Amino acid sequence: MLAVLAELEESGDPEAHREALADLVADLTEAGMDYYYLRALKLSNAGQLAQQSARLGIAGAVKMISSVSRRFIMRMNGKELLVVAGHIRSLAG
């Protein structure tokens, strides 16, 4: 993750890193949904059917969010990409 951000931030052409940033955002979206929703459901000892249903629903949501995010990122200029990269970096601590 940090390597993608560093490459974008240090590049003379941040727009050349749109695809990598879009992939990173998709990965973070999936990881976040898993951690905040599916992990909690598993820890609650919800039934197998409930967990499977939740996984299916979350997978659909992640696919839709990632698709929309990718479209926005692919249209961003260098300055906007740097703002997004900075925000992601701030979340990483």
N, C-alpha and C. Protein backbone atom coordinates (compact mmCIF):
# COMPACT_ATOMS: atom_id res chain seq x y z
N MET A 1 0.82 -1.18 0.00
CA MET A 1 0.00 0.00 0.00
C MET A 1 0.87 1.25 0.00
N LEU A 2 1.82 1.31 0.93
CA LEU A 2 2.65 2.50 1.03
C LEU A 2 3.51 2.69 -0.22
N ALA A 3 3.88 1.60 -0.86
CA ALA A 3 4.68 1.70 -2.09
C ALA A 3 3.87 2.37 -3.20
N VAL A 4 2.61 2.01 -3.33
CA VAL A 4 1.74 2.62 -4.35
C VAL A 4 1.62 4.12 -4.08
N LEU A 5 1.39 4.47 -2.84
CA LEU A 5 1.24 5.89 -2.48
C LEU A 5 2.54 6.65 -2.74
N ALA A 6 3.66 6.06 -2.36
CA ALA A 6 4.96 6.72 -2.56
C ALA A 6 5.25 6.93 -4.04
N GLU A 7 4.97 5.93 -4.85
CA GLU A 7 5.21 6.06 -6.29
C GLU A 7 4.36 7.19 -6.88
N LEU A 8 3.10 7.25 -6.49
CA LEU A 8 2.22 8.29 -6.99
C LEU A 8 2.69 9.67 -6.52
N GLU A 9 3.01 9.77 -5.24
CA GLU A 9 3.39 11.06 -4.66
C GLU A 9 4.73 11.57 -5.19
N GLU A 10 5.64 10.68 -5.50
CA GLU A 10 6.98 11.07 -5.94
C GLU A 10 7.10 11.18 -7.46
N SER A 11 6.06 10.78 -8.13
CA SER A 11 6.08 10.77 -9.59
C SER A 11 5.93 12.19 -10.14
N GLY A 12 6.56 12.42 -11.26
CA GLY A 12 6.35 13.69 -11.96
C GLY A 12 5.02 13.69 -12.69
N ASP A 13 4.42 12.50 -12.79
CA ASP A 13 3.14 12.34 -13.48
C ASP A 13 2.21 11.45 -12.67
N PRO A 14 1.55 12.01 -11.65
CA PRO A 14 0.66 11.18 -10.81
C PRO A 14 -0.43 10.47 -11.61
N GLU A 15 -0.83 11.06 -12.73
CA GLU A 15 -1.90 10.47 -13.52
C GLU A 15 -1.51 9.11 -14.10
N ALA A 16 -0.21 8.85 -14.20
CA ALA A 16 0.26 7.55 -14.68
C ALA A 16 -0.01 6.44 -13.67
N HIS A 17 -0.41 6.82 -12.46
CA HIS A 17 -0.62 5.85 -11.38
C HIS A 17 -2.10 5.70 -11.02
N ARG A 18 -2.97 6.16 -11.88
CA ARG A 18 -4.41 6.06 -11.61
C ARG A 18 -4.84 4.62 -11.37
N GLU A 19 -4.42 3.74 -12.26
CA GLU A 19 -4.84 2.33 -12.18
C GLU A 19 -4.40 1.71 -10.85
N ALA A 20 -3.16 1.96 -10.46
CA ALA A 20 -2.65 1.40 -9.20
C ALA A 20 -3.42 1.95 -8.01
N LEU A 21 -3.75 3.24 -8.05
CA LEU A 21 -4.52 3.84 -6.95
C LEU A 21 -5.93 3.27 -6.91
N ALA A 22 -6.54 3.08 -8.07
CA ALA A 22 -7.88 2.49 -8.13
C ALA A 22 -7.87 1.07 -7.57
N ASP A 23 -6.82 0.30 -7.89
CA ASP A 23 -6.70 -1.05 -7.35
C ASP A 23 -6.54 -1.02 -5.83
N LEU A 24 -5.75 -0.08 -5.35
CA LEU A 24 -5.54 0.06 -3.90
C LEU A 24 -6.85 0.41 -3.20
N VAL A 25 -7.60 1.34 -3.76
CA VAL A 25 -8.88 1.72 -3.15
C VAL A 25 -9.83 0.52 -3.12
N ALA A 26 -9.85 -0.27 -4.19
CA ALA A 26 -10.70 -1.47 -4.22
C ALA A 26 -10.27 -2.46 -3.13
N ASP A 27 -8.96 -2.66 -2.99
CA ASP A 27 -8.46 -3.57 -1.96
C ASP A 27 -8.81 -3.09 -0.56
N LEU A 28 -8.66 -1.79 -0.33
CA LEU A 28 -8.99 -1.23 0.98
C LEU A 28 -10.49 -1.31 1.27
N THR A 29 -11.29 -1.12 0.25
CA THR A 29 -12.75 -1.24 0.42
C THR A 29 -13.11 -2.65 0.85
N GLU A 30 -12.55 -3.63 0.16
CA GLU A 30 -12.83 -5.03 0.48
C GLU A 30 -12.35 -5.38 1.89
N ALA A 31 -11.14 -4.95 2.23
CA ALA A 31 -10.60 -5.24 3.55
C ALA A 31 -11.43 -4.57 4.65
N GLY A 32 -11.86 -3.35 4.41
CA GLY A 32 -12.68 -2.63 5.39
C GLY A 32 -14.03 -3.29 5.61
N MET A 33 -14.66 -3.69 4.54
CA MET A 33 -15.96 -4.35 4.68
C MET A 33 -15.82 -5.68 5.41
N ASP A 34 -14.76 -6.39 5.10
CA ASP A 34 -14.52 -7.66 5.78
C ASP A 34 -14.29 -7.43 7.27
N TYR A 35 -13.44 -6.47 7.59
CA TYR A 35 -13.09 -6.22 8.99
C TYR A 35 -14.28 -5.68 9.79
N TYR A 36 -14.97 -4.71 9.27
CA TYR A 36 -16.02 -4.05 10.05
C TYR A 36 -17.35 -4.76 10.05
N TYR A 37 -17.63 -5.56 9.03
CA TYR A 37 -18.94 -6.22 8.97
C TYR A 37 -18.84 -7.74 9.13
N LEU A 38 -18.09 -8.36 8.25
CA LEU A 38 -18.06 -9.82 8.28
C LEU A 38 -17.37 -10.37 9.52
N ARG A 39 -16.30 -9.74 9.94
CA ARG A 39 -15.60 -10.19 11.15
C ARG A 39 -16.52 -10.10 12.37
N ALA A 40 -17.25 -9.00 12.47
CA ALA A 40 -18.17 -8.82 13.59
C ALA A 40 -19.26 -9.90 13.58
N LEU A 41 -19.74 -10.21 12.39
CA LEU A 41 -20.77 -11.24 12.27
C LEU A 41 -20.22 -12.59 12.72
N LYS A 42 -19.00 -12.89 12.31
CA LYS A 42 -18.39 -14.16 12.71
C LYS A 42 -18.16 -14.21 14.21
N LEU A 43 -17.68 -13.11 14.78
CA LEU A 43 -17.44 -13.06 16.22
C LEU A 43 -18.72 -13.21 17.03
N SER A 44 -19.85 -12.81 16.44
CA SER A 44 -21.13 -12.92 17.14
C SER A 44 -21.70 -14.33 17.10
N ASN A 45 -20.96 -15.23 16.44
CA ASN A 45 -21.42 -16.61 16.29
C ASN A 45 -22.74 -16.72 15.54
N ALA A 46 -22.91 -15.83 14.57
CA ALA A 46 -24.11 -15.90 13.73
C ALA A 46 -24.07 -17.22 12.97
N GLY A 47 -25.23 -17.69 12.60
CA GLY A 47 -25.32 -18.95 11.88
C GLY A 47 -24.62 -18.91 10.53
N GLN A 48 -24.33 -20.09 10.03
CA GLN A 48 -23.63 -20.21 8.75
C GLN A 48 -24.41 -19.57 7.61
N LEU A 49 -25.72 -19.74 7.60
CA LEU A 49 -26.55 -19.16 6.54
C LEU A 49 -26.50 -17.64 6.60
N ALA A 50 -26.55 -17.08 7.79
CA ALA A 50 -26.47 -15.63 7.94
C ALA A 50 -25.12 -15.11 7.46
N GLN A 51 -24.06 -15.82 7.79
CA GLN A 51 -22.73 -15.41 7.36
C GLN A 51 -22.58 -15.49 5.85
N GLN A 52 -23.10 -16.55 5.25
CA GLN A 52 -23.03 -16.70 3.79
C GLN A 52 -23.83 -15.60 3.11
N SER A 53 -25.00 -15.31 3.63
CA SER A 53 -25.83 -14.24 3.06
C SER A 53 -25.13 -12.90 3.16
N ALA A 54 -24.52 -12.65 4.31
CA ALA A 54 -23.79 -11.39 4.50
C ALA A 54 -22.60 -11.29 3.55
N ARG A 55 -21.86 -12.39 3.39
CA ARG A 55 -20.71 -12.39 2.47
C ARG A 55 -21.16 -12.08 1.04
N LEU A 56 -22.26 -12.67 0.64
CA LEU A 56 -22.78 -12.43 -0.71
C LEU A 56 -23.19 -10.97 -0.88
N GLY A 57 -23.90 -10.43 0.10
CA GLY A 57 -24.32 -9.04 0.03
C GLY A 57 -23.14 -8.08 0.05
N ILE A 58 -22.17 -8.34 0.91
CA ILE A 58 -20.98 -7.49 1.00
C ILE A 58 -20.19 -7.56 -0.30
N ALA A 59 -20.07 -8.74 -0.87
CA ALA A 59 -19.33 -8.88 -2.13
C ALA A 59 -19.97 -8.03 -3.23
N GLY A 60 -21.30 -8.01 -3.28
CA GLY A 60 -21.99 -7.18 -4.26
C GLY A 60 -21.76 -5.69 -4.00
N ALA A 61 -21.79 -5.31 -2.74
CA ALA A 61 -21.56 -3.91 -2.38
C ALA A 61 -20.13 -3.49 -2.72
N VAL A 62 -19.17 -4.34 -2.43
CA VAL A 62 -17.77 -4.04 -2.73
C VAL A 62 -17.57 -3.89 -4.23
N LYS A 63 -18.18 -4.76 -4.99
CA LYS A 63 -18.06 -4.69 -6.46
C LYS A 63 -18.61 -3.36 -6.97
N MET A 64 -19.77 -2.95 -6.48
CA MET A 64 -20.38 -1.71 -6.93
C MET A 64 -19.55 -0.49 -6.49
N ILE A 65 -19.14 -0.46 -5.24
CA ILE A 65 -18.35 0.66 -4.72
C ILE A 65 -17.02 0.76 -5.46
N SER A 66 -16.38 -0.37 -5.70
CA SER A 66 -15.09 -0.38 -6.39
C SER A 66 -15.24 0.11 -7.83
N SER A 67 -16.32 -0.27 -8.47
CA SER A 67 -16.56 0.16 -9.85
C SER A 67 -16.75 1.67 -9.93
N VAL A 68 -17.55 2.21 -9.04
CA VAL A 68 -17.80 3.65 -9.02
C VAL A 68 -16.52 4.41 -8.65
N SER A 69 -15.81 3.92 -7.65
CA SER A 69 -14.56 4.56 -7.22
C SER A 69 -13.55 4.57 -8.37
N ARG A 70 -13.44 3.47 -9.06
CA ARG A 70 -12.50 3.37 -10.18
C ARG A 70 -12.83 4.41 -11.25
N ARG A 71 -14.10 4.55 -11.57
CA ARG A 71 -14.48 5.54 -12.60
C ARG A 71 -14.08 6.94 -12.19
N PHE A 72 -14.30 7.30 -10.94
CA PHE A 72 -13.91 8.63 -10.47
C PHE A 72 -12.40 8.81 -10.48
N ILE A 73 -11.69 7.81 -9.98
CA ILE A 73 -10.22 7.91 -9.92
C ILE A 73 -9.62 8.03 -11.31
N MET A 74 -10.15 7.29 -12.26
CA MET A 74 -9.60 7.30 -13.62
C MET A 74 -9.82 8.66 -14.31
N ARG A 75 -10.71 9.48 -13.79
CA ARG A 75 -10.96 10.82 -14.36
C ARG A 75 -10.24 11.93 -13.62
N MET A 76 -9.59 11.61 -12.50
CA MET A 76 -8.95 12.64 -11.68
C MET A 76 -7.67 13.16 -12.32
N ASN A 77 -7.41 14.44 -12.03
CA ASN A 77 -6.13 15.01 -12.46
C ASN A 77 -5.08 14.74 -11.38
N GLY A 78 -3.85 15.14 -11.65
CA GLY A 78 -2.75 14.86 -10.73
C GLY A 78 -2.97 15.42 -9.34
N LYS A 79 -3.46 16.64 -9.26
CA LYS A 79 -3.68 17.28 -7.96
C LYS A 79 -4.72 16.51 -7.14
N GLU A 80 -5.78 16.10 -7.79
CA GLU A 80 -6.84 15.34 -7.10
C GLU A 80 -6.32 13.98 -6.64
N LEU A 81 -5.52 13.34 -7.48
CA LEU A 81 -4.93 12.04 -7.11
C LEU A 81 -4.04 12.17 -5.88
N LEU A 82 -3.29 13.26 -5.82
CA LEU A 82 -2.41 13.49 -4.66
C LEU A 82 -3.21 13.71 -3.39
N VAL A 83 -4.36 14.35 -3.49
CA VAL A 83 -5.22 14.55 -2.32
C VAL A 83 -5.74 13.19 -1.83
N VAL A 84 -6.19 12.36 -2.75
CA VAL A 84 -6.68 11.03 -2.38
C VAL A 84 -5.56 10.21 -1.74
N ALA A 85 -4.38 10.24 -2.33
CA ALA A 85 -3.24 9.51 -1.78
C ALA A 85 -2.91 10.02 -0.37
N GLY A 86 -2.94 11.31 -0.19
CA GLY A 86 -2.67 11.88 1.14
C GLY A 86 -3.70 11.46 2.17
N HIS A 87 -4.95 11.40 1.74
CA HIS A 87 -6.01 10.96 2.66
C HIS A 87 -5.80 9.50 3.07
N ILE A 88 -5.49 8.65 2.10
CA ILE A 88 -5.25 7.24 2.41
C ILE A 88 -4.05 7.11 3.35
N ARG A 89 -3.01 7.87 3.07
CA ARG A 89 -1.82 7.84 3.94
C ARG A 89 -2.19 8.26 5.37
N SER A 90 -3.04 9.26 5.52
CA SER A 90 -3.43 9.72 6.86
C SER A 90 -4.22 8.64 7.60
N LEU A 91 -4.96 7.83 6.88
CA LEU A 91 -5.72 6.73 7.51
C LEU A 91 -4.78 5.63 7.99
N ALA A 92 -3.66 5.48 7.30
CA ALA A 92 -2.70 4.44 7.67
C ALA A 92 -1.94 4.79 8.95
N GLY A 93 -2.04 6.06 9.35
CA GLY A 93 -1.44 6.45 10.61
C GLY A 93 -0.09 6.97 10.43
